[in-house]
Full PDB file with SEQRES, HELIX, SHEET, SSBOND, CRYST1, ORIGX, SCALE, CONECT and MASTER records, all heavy atoms in Angstrom:
SEQRES   1 A   38  SER GLU ASN GLY ILE VAL ARG VAL ASN ASN ARG ARG SER          
SEQRES   2 A   38  HIS LEU PRO ILE SER LEU ALA GLN GLY LYS VAL GLN LEU          
SEQRES   3 A   38  GLN GLN LYS GLY LYS SER VAL LEU ILE LYS THR ASP              
SHEET    1 AA1 2 ILE A   5  VAL A   8  0                                        
SHEET    2 AA1 2 ARG A  11  HIS A  14 -1                                        
SHEET    1 AA2 3 ILE A  17  LEU A  19  0                                        
SHEET    2 AA2 3 VAL A  24  LYS A  29 -1                                        
SHEET    3 AA2 3 SER A  32  THR A  37 -1                                        
CRYST1    1.000    1.000    1.000  90.00  90.00  90.00 P 1           1          
ORIGX1      1.000000  0.000000  0.000000        0.00000                         
ORIGX2      0.000000  1.000000  0.000000        0.00000                         
ORIGX3      0.000000  0.000000  1.000000        0.00000                         
SCALE1      1.000000  0.000000  0.000000        0.00000                         
SCALE2      0.000000  1.000000  0.000000        0.00000                         
SCALE3      0.000000  0.000000  1.000000        0.00000                         
ATOM      1  N   SER A   1       2.165   6.600   1.515  1.00  0.00           N  
ATOM      2  CA  SER A   1       2.068   5.140   1.418  1.00  0.00           C  
ATOM      3  C   SER A   1       2.604   4.386   2.627  1.00  0.00           C  
ATOM      4  O   SER A   1       2.602   3.163   2.621  1.00  0.00           O  
ATOM      5  CB  SER A   1       2.759   4.618   0.147  1.00  0.00           C  
ATOM      6  OG  SER A   1       2.094   5.144  -0.986  1.00  0.00           O  
ATOM      7  N   GLU A   2       3.064   5.063   3.679  1.00  0.00           N  
ATOM      8  CA  GLU A   2       3.472   4.376   4.911  1.00  0.00           C  
ATOM      9  C   GLU A   2       2.275   4.328   5.859  1.00  0.00           C  
ATOM     10  O   GLU A   2       2.322   4.821   6.980  1.00  0.00           O  
ATOM     11  CB  GLU A   2       4.668   5.068   5.571  1.00  0.00           C  
ATOM     12  CG  GLU A   2       5.949   4.913   4.805  1.00  0.00           C  
ATOM     13  CD  GLU A   2       7.169   5.469   5.529  1.00  0.00           C  
ATOM     14  OE1 GLU A   2       7.038   6.071   6.623  1.00  0.00           O  
ATOM     15  OE2 GLU A   2       8.278   5.313   4.993  1.00  0.00           O  
ATOM     16  N   ASN A   3       1.191   3.728   5.393  1.00  0.00           N  
ATOM     17  CA  ASN A   3      -0.063   3.698   6.144  1.00  0.00           C  
ATOM     18  C   ASN A   3       0.123   3.108   7.539  1.00  0.00           C  
ATOM     19  O   ASN A   3       0.753   2.068   7.691  1.00  0.00           O  
ATOM     20  CB  ASN A   3      -1.115   2.904   5.386  1.00  0.00           C  
ATOM     21  CG  ASN A   3      -1.457   3.553   4.065  1.00  0.00           C  
ATOM     22  OD1 ASN A   3      -0.613   4.142   3.398  1.00  0.00           O  
ATOM     23  ND2 ASN A   3      -2.702   3.445   3.660  1.00  0.00           N  
ATOM     24  N   GLY A   4      -0.442   3.793   8.534  1.00  0.00           N  
ATOM     25  CA  GLY A   4      -0.388   3.325   9.911  1.00  0.00           C  
ATOM     26  C   GLY A   4       0.921   3.623  10.617  1.00  0.00           C  
ATOM     27  O   GLY A   4       1.082   3.289  11.782  1.00  0.00           O  
ATOM     28  N   ILE A   5       1.857   4.254   9.920  1.00  0.00           N  
ATOM     29  CA  ILE A   5       3.184   4.538  10.481  1.00  0.00           C  
ATOM     30  C   ILE A   5       3.493   6.027  10.356  1.00  0.00           C  
ATOM     31  O   ILE A   5       3.157   6.657   9.356  1.00  0.00           O  
ATOM     32  CB  ILE A   5       4.266   3.720   9.741  1.00  0.00           C  
ATOM     33  CG1 ILE A   5       4.025   2.229   9.940  1.00  0.00           C  
ATOM     34  CG2 ILE A   5       5.672   4.111  10.187  1.00  0.00           C  
ATOM     35  CD1 ILE A   5       4.903   1.343   9.089  1.00  0.00           C  
ATOM     36  N   VAL A   6       4.131   6.573  11.365  1.00  0.00           N  
ATOM     37  CA  VAL A   6       4.661   7.939  11.321  1.00  0.00           C  
ATOM     38  C   VAL A   6       6.108   7.881  11.793  1.00  0.00           C  
ATOM     39  O   VAL A   6       6.538   6.905  12.414  1.00  0.00           O  
ATOM     40  CB  VAL A   6       3.852   8.921  12.202  1.00  0.00           C  
ATOM     41  CG1 VAL A   6       2.423   9.042  11.705  1.00  0.00           C  
ATOM     42  CG2 VAL A   6       3.884   8.505  13.654  1.00  0.00           C  
ATOM     43  N   ARG A   7       6.849   8.918  11.501  1.00  0.00           N  
ATOM     44  CA  ARG A   7       8.234   9.016  11.956  1.00  0.00           C  
ATOM     45  C   ARG A   7       8.311  10.110  13.013  1.00  0.00           C  
ATOM     46  O   ARG A   7       7.982  11.262  12.732  1.00  0.00           O  
ATOM     47  CB  ARG A   7       9.159   9.315  10.789  1.00  0.00           C  
ATOM     48  CG  ARG A   7       9.120   8.228   9.722  1.00  0.00           C  
ATOM     49  CD  ARG A   7       9.962   8.569   8.526  1.00  0.00           C  
ATOM     50  NE  ARG A   7       9.758   7.568   7.466  1.00  0.00           N  
ATOM     51  CZ  ARG A   7      10.466   7.531   6.364  1.00  0.00           C  
ATOM     52  NH1 ARG A   7      11.424   8.416   6.146  1.00  0.00           N  
ATOM     53  NH2 ARG A   7      10.217   6.605   5.463  1.00  0.00           N  
ATOM     54  N   VAL A   8       8.716   9.738  14.209  1.00  0.00           N  
ATOM     55  CA  VAL A   8       8.854  10.689  15.307  1.00  0.00           C  
ATOM     56  C   VAL A   8      10.343  10.852  15.570  1.00  0.00           C  
ATOM     57  O   VAL A   8      11.011   9.887  15.957  1.00  0.00           O  
ATOM     58  CB  VAL A   8       8.119  10.200  16.578  1.00  0.00           C  
ATOM     59  CG1 VAL A   8       8.319  11.194  17.714  1.00  0.00           C  
ATOM     60  CG2 VAL A   8       6.641   9.982  16.293  1.00  0.00           C  
ATOM     61  N   ASN A   9      10.849  12.052  15.310  1.00  0.00           N  
ATOM     62  CA  ASN A   9      12.287  12.320  15.419  1.00  0.00           C  
ATOM     63  C   ASN A   9      13.096  11.258  14.662  1.00  0.00           C  
ATOM     64  O   ASN A   9      14.055  10.703  15.162  1.00  0.00           O  
ATOM     65  CB  ASN A   9      12.728  12.415  16.879  1.00  0.00           C  
ATOM     66  CG  ASN A   9      12.089  13.601  17.575  1.00  0.00           C  
ATOM     67  OD1 ASN A   9      11.779  14.614  16.955  1.00  0.00           O  
ATOM     68  ND2 ASN A   9      11.883  13.471  18.867  1.00  0.00           N  
ATOM     69  N   ASN A  10      12.655  10.971  13.435  1.00  0.00           N  
ATOM     70  CA  ASN A  10      13.298  10.026  12.503  1.00  0.00           C  
ATOM     71  C   ASN A  10      13.204   8.560  12.912  1.00  0.00           C  
ATOM     72  O   ASN A  10      13.897   7.719  12.354  1.00  0.00           O  
ATOM     73  CB  ASN A  10      14.757  10.401  12.241  1.00  0.00           C  
ATOM     74  CG  ASN A  10      14.866  11.648  11.403  1.00  0.00           C  
ATOM     75  OD1 ASN A  10      14.069  11.859  10.498  1.00  0.00           O  
ATOM     76  ND2 ASN A  10      15.837  12.481  11.700  1.00  0.00           N  
ATOM     77  N   ARG A  11      12.361   8.220  13.865  1.00  0.00           N  
ATOM     78  CA  ARG A  11      12.148   6.813  14.248  1.00  0.00           C  
ATOM     79  C   ARG A  11      10.732   6.409  13.850  1.00  0.00           C  
ATOM     80  O   ARG A  11       9.769   7.077  14.223  1.00  0.00           O  
ATOM     81  CB  ARG A  11      12.358   6.628  15.743  1.00  0.00           C  
ATOM     82  CG  ARG A  11      13.803   6.957  16.152  1.00  0.00           C  
ATOM     83  CD  ARG A  11      14.048   6.630  17.566  1.00  0.00           C  
ATOM     84  NE  ARG A  11      14.077   5.171  17.689  1.00  0.00           N  
ATOM     85  CZ  ARG A  11      14.251   4.542  18.829  1.00  0.00           C  
ATOM     86  NH1 ARG A  11      14.398   5.220  19.948  1.00  0.00           N  
ATOM     87  NH2 ARG A  11      14.262   3.229  18.864  1.00  0.00           N  
ATOM     88  N   ARG A  12      10.628   5.323  13.114  1.00  0.00           N  
ATOM     89  CA  ARG A  12       9.316   4.844  12.670  1.00  0.00           C  
ATOM     90  C   ARG A  12       8.513   4.319  13.853  1.00  0.00           C  
ATOM     91  O   ARG A  12       9.032   3.561  14.663  1.00  0.00           O  
ATOM     92  CB  ARG A  12       9.485   3.761  11.613  1.00  0.00           C  
ATOM     93  CG  ARG A  12      10.052   4.309  10.306  1.00  0.00           C  
ATOM     94  CD  ARG A  12      10.482   3.202   9.363  1.00  0.00           C  
ATOM     95  NE  ARG A  12       9.454   2.212   9.135  1.00  0.00           N  
ATOM     96  CZ  ARG A  12       8.779   2.055   8.004  1.00  0.00           C  
ATOM     97  NH1 ARG A  12       9.032   2.841   6.981  1.00  0.00           N  
ATOM     98  NH2 ARG A  12       7.877   1.123   7.883  1.00  0.00           N  
ATOM     99  N   SER A  13       7.256   4.737  13.928  1.00  0.00           N  
ATOM    100  CA  SER A  13       6.377   4.329  15.024  1.00  0.00           C  
ATOM    101  C   SER A  13       5.003   3.999  14.479  1.00  0.00           C  
ATOM    102  O   SER A  13       4.525   4.644  13.548  1.00  0.00           O  
ATOM    103  CB  SER A  13       6.250   5.456  16.048  1.00  0.00           C  
ATOM    104  OG  SER A  13       7.501   5.826  16.568  1.00  0.00           O  
ATOM    105  N   HIS A  14       4.373   3.008  15.076  1.00  0.00           N  
ATOM    106  CA  HIS A  14       3.008   2.631  14.695  1.00  0.00           C  
ATOM    107  C   HIS A  14       2.006   3.441  15.527  1.00  0.00           C  
ATOM    108  O   HIS A  14       2.243   3.754  16.681  1.00  0.00           O  
ATOM    109  CB  HIS A  14       2.783   1.132  14.925  1.00  0.00           C  
ATOM    110  CG  HIS A  14       3.555   0.286  13.967  1.00  0.00           C  
ATOM    111  ND1 HIS A  14       3.073  -0.063  12.733  1.00  0.00           N  
ATOM    112  CD2 HIS A  14       4.791  -0.266  14.051  1.00  0.00           C  
ATOM    113  CE1 HIS A  14       3.963  -0.794  12.101  1.00  0.00           C  
ATOM    114  NE2 HIS A  14       5.029  -0.933  12.883  1.00  0.00           N  
ATOM    115  N   LEU A  15       0.879   3.750  14.906  1.00  0.00           N  
ATOM    116  CA  LEU A  15      -0.190   4.492  15.582  1.00  0.00           C  
ATOM    117  C   LEU A  15      -0.989   3.566  16.477  1.00  0.00           C  
ATOM    118  O   LEU A  15      -1.049   2.376  16.210  1.00  0.00           O  
ATOM    119  CB  LEU A  15      -1.103   5.136  14.538  1.00  0.00           C  
ATOM    120  CG  LEU A  15      -0.422   6.154  13.630  1.00  0.00           C  
ATOM    121  CD1 LEU A  15      -1.387   6.617  12.556  1.00  0.00           C  
ATOM    122  CD2 LEU A  15       0.099   7.333  14.414  1.00  0.00           C  
ATOM    123  N   PRO A  16      -1.647   4.068  17.494  1.00  0.00           N  
ATOM    124  CA  PRO A  16      -1.696   5.452  17.987  1.00  0.00           C  
ATOM    125  C   PRO A  16      -0.476   5.778  18.864  1.00  0.00           C  
ATOM    126  O   PRO A  16       0.167   4.882  19.399  1.00  0.00           O  
ATOM    127  CB  PRO A  16      -2.980   5.491  18.813  1.00  0.00           C  
ATOM    128  CG  PRO A  16      -3.118   4.087  19.325  1.00  0.00           C  
ATOM    129  CD  PRO A  16      -2.548   3.192  18.250  1.00  0.00           C  
ATOM    130  N   ILE A  17      -0.218   7.084  18.992  1.00  0.00           N  
ATOM    131  CA  ILE A  17       0.922   7.567  19.774  1.00  0.00           C  
ATOM    132  C   ILE A  17       0.488   8.798  20.561  1.00  0.00           C  
ATOM    133  O   ILE A  17      -0.261   9.637  20.064  1.00  0.00           O  
ATOM    134  CB  ILE A  17       2.098   7.965  18.873  1.00  0.00           C  
ATOM    135  CG1 ILE A  17       2.519   6.814  17.962  1.00  0.00           C  
ATOM    136  CG2 ILE A  17       3.287   8.445  19.688  1.00  0.00           C  
ATOM    137  CD1 ILE A  17       3.487   7.230  16.880  1.00  0.00           C  
ATOM    138  N   SER A  18       1.001   8.916  21.765  1.00  0.00           N  
ATOM    139  CA  SER A  18       0.829  10.111  22.590  1.00  0.00           C  
ATOM    140  C   SER A  18       2.227  10.668  22.867  1.00  0.00           C  
ATOM    141  O   SER A  18       3.115   9.922  23.278  1.00  0.00           O  
ATOM    142  CB  SER A  18       0.119   9.766  23.898  1.00  0.00           C  
ATOM    143  OG  SER A  18      -0.019  10.912  24.703  1.00  0.00           O  
ATOM    144  N   LEU A  19       2.425  11.969  22.625  1.00  0.00           N  
ATOM    145  CA  LEU A  19       3.738  12.595  22.783  1.00  0.00           C  
ATOM    146  C   LEU A  19       3.650  13.813  23.692  1.00  0.00           C  
ATOM    147  O   LEU A  19       2.563  14.369  23.889  1.00  0.00           O  
ATOM    148  CB  LEU A  19       4.282  13.031  21.414  1.00  0.00           C  
ATOM    149  CG  LEU A  19       4.417  11.941  20.347  1.00  0.00           C  
ATOM    150  CD1 LEU A  19       4.680  12.568  18.995  1.00  0.00           C  
ATOM    151  CD2 LEU A  19       5.517  10.971  20.728  1.00  0.00           C  
ATOM    152  N   ALA A  20       4.803  14.261  24.182  1.00  0.00           N  
ATOM    153  CA  ALA A  20       4.912  15.478  24.996  1.00  0.00           C  
ATOM    154  C   ALA A  20       3.927  15.451  26.161  1.00  0.00           C  
ATOM    155  O   ALA A  20       3.148  16.375  26.357  1.00  0.00           O  
ATOM    156  CB  ALA A  20       4.706  16.732  24.134  1.00  0.00           C  
ATOM    157  N   GLN A  21       3.955  14.381  26.929  1.00  0.00           N  
ATOM    158  CA  GLN A  21       3.075  14.193  28.086  1.00  0.00           C  
ATOM    159  C   GLN A  21       1.599  14.385  27.718  1.00  0.00           C  
ATOM    160  O   GLN A  21       0.822  14.998  28.452  1.00  0.00           O  
ATOM    161  CB  GLN A  21       3.450  15.143  29.228  1.00  0.00           C  
ATOM    162  CG  GLN A  21       4.791  14.871  29.875  1.00  0.00           C  
ATOM    163  CD  GLN A  21       5.946  15.454  29.066  1.00  0.00           C  
ATOM    164  OE1 GLN A  21       5.870  16.576  28.607  1.00  0.00           O  
ATOM    165  NE2 GLN A  21       6.998  14.683  28.901  1.00  0.00           N  
ATOM    166  N   GLY A  22       1.211  13.860  26.553  1.00  0.00           N  
ATOM    167  CA  GLY A  22      -0.179  13.907  26.135  1.00  0.00           C  
ATOM    168  C   GLY A  22      -0.590  15.175  25.400  1.00  0.00           C  
ATOM    169  O   GLY A  22      -1.740  15.297  24.984  1.00  0.00           O  
ATOM    170  N   LYS A  23       0.329  16.109  25.192  1.00  0.00           N  
ATOM    171  CA  LYS A  23      -0.008  17.358  24.496  1.00  0.00           C  
ATOM    172  C   LYS A  23      -0.199  17.165  22.994  1.00  0.00           C  
ATOM    173  O   LYS A  23      -0.803  17.986  22.331  1.00  0.00           O  
ATOM    174  CB  LYS A  23       1.078  18.408  24.737  1.00  0.00           C  
ATOM    175  CG  LYS A  23       1.171  18.872  26.170  1.00  0.00           C  
ATOM    176  CD  LYS A  23       2.292  19.873  26.308  1.00  0.00           C  
ATOM    177  CE  LYS A  23       2.464  20.304  27.752  1.00  0.00           C  
ATOM    178  NZ  LYS A  23       3.592  21.240  27.891  1.00  0.00           N  
ATOM    179  N   VAL A  24       0.341  16.056  22.462  1.00  0.00           N  
ATOM    180  CA  VAL A  24       0.206  15.745  21.038  1.00  0.00           C  
ATOM    181  C   VAL A  24      -0.298  14.310  20.923  1.00  0.00           C  
ATOM    182  O   VAL A  24       0.295  13.391  21.486  1.00  0.00           O  
ATOM    183  CB  VAL A  24       1.556  15.898  20.289  1.00  0.00           C  
ATOM    184  CG1 VAL A  24       1.378  15.594  18.809  1.00  0.00           C  
ATOM    185  CG2 VAL A  24       2.148  17.288  20.497  1.00  0.00           C  
ATOM    186  N   GLN A  25      -1.392  14.146  20.203  1.00  0.00           N  
ATOM    187  CA  GLN A  25      -2.007  12.827  20.017  1.00  0.00           C  
ATOM    188  C   GLN A  25      -2.012  12.493  18.527  1.00  0.00           C  
ATOM    189  O   GLN A  25      -2.411  13.330  17.710  1.00  0.00           O  
ATOM    190  CB  GLN A  25      -3.444  12.827  20.536  1.00  0.00           C  
ATOM    191  CG  GLN A  25      -3.581  13.149  22.004  1.00  0.00           C  
ATOM    192  CD  GLN A  25      -3.106  12.011  22.878  1.00  0.00           C  
ATOM    193  OE1 GLN A  25      -3.288  10.845  22.564  1.00  0.00           O  
ATOM    194  NE2 GLN A  25      -2.473  12.356  23.995  1.00  0.00           N  
ATOM    195  N   LEU A  26      -1.594  11.289  18.185  1.00  0.00           N  
ATOM    196  CA  LEU A  26      -1.609  10.818  16.806  1.00  0.00           C  
ATOM    197  C   LEU A  26      -2.431   9.539  16.753  1.00  0.00           C  
ATOM    198  O   LEU A  26      -2.234   8.641  17.577  1.00  0.00           O  
ATOM    199  CB  LEU A  26      -0.198  10.517  16.308  1.00  0.00           C  
ATOM    200  CG  LEU A  26       0.751  11.698  16.181  1.00  0.00           C  
ATOM    201  CD1 LEU A  26       1.448  11.983  17.481  1.00  0.00           C  
ATOM    202  CD2 LEU A  26       1.763  11.442  15.103  1.00  0.00           C  
ATOM    203  N   GLN A  27      -3.336   9.468  15.790  1.00  0.00           N  
ATOM    204  CA  GLN A  27      -4.175   8.286  15.659  1.00  0.00           C  
ATOM    205  C   GLN A  27      -4.586   8.105  14.217  1.00  0.00           C  
ATOM    206  O   GLN A  27      -4.537   9.047  13.427  1.00  0.00           O  
ATOM    207  CB  GLN A  27      -5.414   8.397  16.549  1.00  0.00           C  
ATOM    208  CG  GLN A  27      -6.354   9.530  16.118  1.00  0.00           C  
ATOM    209  CD  GLN A  27      -7.464   9.785  17.117  1.00  0.00           C  
ATOM    210  OE1 GLN A  27      -7.198  10.036  18.269  1.00  0.00           O  
ATOM    211  NE2 GLN A  27      -8.697   9.718  16.638  1.00  0.00           N  
ATOM    212  N   GLN A  28      -4.988   6.892  13.881  1.00  0.00           N  
ATOM    213  CA  GLN A  28      -5.518   6.640  12.558  1.00  0.00           C  
ATOM    214  C   GLN A  28      -7.003   6.928  12.597  1.00  0.00           C  
ATOM    215  O   GLN A  28      -7.706   6.529  13.519  1.00  0.00           O  
ATOM    216  CB  GLN A  28      -5.250   5.204  12.126  1.00  0.00           C  
ATOM    217  CG  GLN A  28      -5.608   4.978  10.686  1.00  0.00           C  
ATOM    218  CD  GLN A  28      -4.838   3.854  10.041  1.00  0.00           C  
ATOM    219  OE1 GLN A  28      -3.868   3.353  10.609  1.00  0.00           O  
ATOM    220  NE2 GLN A  28      -5.257   3.449   8.865  1.00  0.00           N  
ATOM    221  N   LYS A  29      -7.452   7.672  11.593  1.00  0.00           N  
ATOM    222  CA  LYS A  29      -8.869   7.994  11.477  1.00  0.00           C  
ATOM    223  C   LYS A  29      -9.286   7.611  10.059  1.00  0.00           C  
ATOM    224  O   LYS A  29      -8.964   8.313   9.117  1.00  0.00           O  
ATOM    225  CB  LYS A  29      -9.108   9.476  11.742  1.00  0.00           C  
ATOM    226  CG  LYS A  29     -10.561   9.843  11.756  1.00  0.00           C  
ATOM    227  CD  LYS A  29     -10.791  11.244  12.248  1.00  0.00           C  
ATOM    228  CE  LYS A  29     -12.274  11.510  12.309  1.00  0.00           C  
ATOM    229  NZ  LYS A  29     -12.594  12.780  12.870  1.00  0.00           N  
ATOM    230  N   GLY A  30      -9.941   6.456   9.944  1.00  0.00           N  
ATOM    231  CA  GLY A  30     -10.266   5.938   8.620  1.00  0.00           C  
ATOM    232  C   GLY A  30      -8.987   5.616   7.876  1.00  0.00           C  
ATOM    233  O   GLY A  30      -8.113   4.923   8.392  1.00  0.00           O  
ATOM    234  N   LYS A  31      -8.835   6.170   6.682  1.00  0.00           N  
ATOM    235  CA  LYS A  31      -7.630   5.940   5.879  1.00  0.00           C  
ATOM    236  C   LYS A  31      -6.620   7.059   6.043  1.00  0.00           C  
ATOM    237  O   LYS A  31      -5.715   7.202   5.224  1.00  0.00           O  
ATOM    238  CB  LYS A  31      -8.014   5.796   4.414  1.00  0.00           C  
ATOM    239  CG  LYS A  31      -8.855   4.574   4.135  1.00  0.00           C  
ATOM    240  CD  LYS A  31      -9.170   4.444   2.671  1.00  0.00           C  
ATOM    241  CE  LYS A  31      -9.982   3.188   2.412  1.00  0.00           C  
ATOM    242  NZ  LYS A  31     -10.260   3.006   0.994  1.00  0.00           N  
ATOM    243  N   SER A  32      -6.750   7.856   7.099  1.00  0.00           N  
ATOM    244  CA  SER A  32      -5.863   9.006   7.312  1.00  0.00           C  
ATOM    245  C   SER A  32      -5.237   8.968   8.692  1.00  0.00           C  
ATOM    246  O   SER A  32      -5.690   8.239   9.572  1.00  0.00           O  
ATOM    247  CB  SER A  32      -6.652  10.313   7.170  1.00  0.00           C  
ATOM    248  OG  SER A  32      -7.216  10.431   5.885  1.00  0.00           O  
ATOM    249  N   VAL A  33      -4.210   9.787   8.862  1.00  0.00           N  
ATOM    250  CA  VAL A  33      -3.616   9.988  10.178  1.00  0.00           C  
ATOM    251  C   VAL A  33      -4.098  11.348  10.677  1.00  0.00           C  
ATOM    252  O   VAL A  33      -4.165  12.313   9.916  1.00  0.00           O  
ATOM    253  CB  VAL A  33      -2.066   9.924  10.145  1.00  0.00           C  
ATOM    254  CG1 VAL A  33      -1.476  10.934   9.181  1.00  0.00           C  
ATOM    255  CG2 VAL A  33      -1.486  10.119  11.539  1.00  0.00           C  
ATOM    256  N   LEU A  34      -4.462  11.408  11.942  1.00  0.00           N  
ATOM    257  CA  LEU A  34      -4.920  12.639  12.571  1.00  0.00           C  
ATOM    258  C   LEU A  34      -3.948  12.997  13.689  1.00  0.00           C  
ATOM    259  O   LEU A  34      -3.688  12.175  14.566  1.00  0.00           O  
ATOM    260  CB  LEU A  34      -6.329  12.470  13.140  1.00  0.00           C  
ATOM    261  CG  LEU A  34      -6.874  13.635  13.965  1.00  0.00           C  
ATOM    262  CD1 LEU A  34      -7.026  14.897  13.111  1.00  0.00           C  
ATOM    263  CD2 LEU A  34      -8.208  13.259  14.611  1.00  0.00           C  
ATOM    264  N   ILE A  35      -3.426  14.217  13.627  1.00  0.00           N  
ATOM    265  CA  ILE A  35      -2.549  14.736  14.680  1.00  0.00           C  
ATOM    266  C   ILE A  35      -3.298  15.866  15.354  1.00  0.00           C  
ATOM    267  O   ILE A  35      -3.799  16.782  14.682  1.00  0.00           O  
ATOM    268  CB  ILE A  35      -1.214  15.260  14.114  1.00  0.00           C  
ATOM    269  CG1 ILE A  35      -0.433  14.121  13.464  1.00  0.00           C  
ATOM    270  CG2 ILE A  35      -0.365  15.889  15.197  1.00  0.00           C  
ATOM    271  CD1 ILE A  35      -0.539  14.126  11.988  1.00  0.00           C  
ATOM    272  N   LYS A  36      -3.421  15.796  16.681  1.00  0.00           N  
ATOM    273  CA  LYS A  36      -4.109  16.837  17.455  1.00  0.00           C  
ATOM    274  C   LYS A  36      -3.183  17.307  18.566  1.00  0.00           C  
ATOM    275  O   LYS A  36      -2.503  16.499  19.198  1.00  0.00           O  
ATOM    276  CB  LYS A  36      -5.391  16.297  18.089  1.00  0.00           C  
ATOM    277  CG  LYS A  36      -6.421  15.831  17.108  1.00  0.00           C  
ATOM    278  CD  LYS A  36      -7.744  15.495  17.761  1.00  0.00           C  
ATOM    279  CE  LYS A  36      -7.635  14.318  18.702  1.00  0.00           C  
ATOM    280  NZ  LYS A  36      -8.926  13.862  19.229  1.00  0.00           N  
ATOM    281  N   THR A  37      -3.187  18.629  18.814  1.00  0.00           N  
ATOM    282  CA  THR A  37      -2.397  19.167  19.920  1.00  0.00           C  
ATOM    283  C   THR A  37      -3.329  19.716  20.995  1.00  0.00           C  
ATOM    284  O   THR A  37      -4.519  19.929  20.743  1.00  0.00           O  
ATOM    285  CB  THR A  37      -1.467  20.307  19.451  1.00  0.00           C  
ATOM    286  OG1 THR A  37      -2.271  21.438  19.104  1.00  0.00           O  
ATOM    287  CG2 THR A  37      -0.592  19.871  18.285  1.00  0.00           C  
ATOM    288  N   ASP A  38      -2.753  19.994  22.151  1.00  0.00           N  
ATOM    289  CA  ASP A  38      -3.537  20.546  23.251  1.00  0.00           C  
ATOM    290  C   ASP A  38      -4.006  21.967  22.983  1.00  0.00           C  
ATOM    291  O   ASP A  38      -4.912  22.456  23.640  1.00  0.00           O  
ATOM    292  CB  ASP A  38      -2.742  20.481  24.557  1.00  0.00           C  
ATOM    293  CG  ASP A  38      -1.467  21.300  24.514  1.00  0.00           C  
ATOM    294  OD1 ASP A  38      -0.927  21.561  23.414  1.00  0.00           O  
ATOM    295  OD2 ASP A  38      -0.983  21.682  25.593  1.00  0.00           O  
TER     296      ASP A  38                                                      
MASTER        0    0    0    0    5    0    0    6  295    1    0    3          
END                                                                             
């Protein structure tokens, strides 16, 4: 139920997010969150 939000190392963040110099991508896809790695 925290739509559009993820917690990165316990800090709330809004999507989209790029982490680890682009090796991890987080985005909203429809009503879901999609996490992709390199």
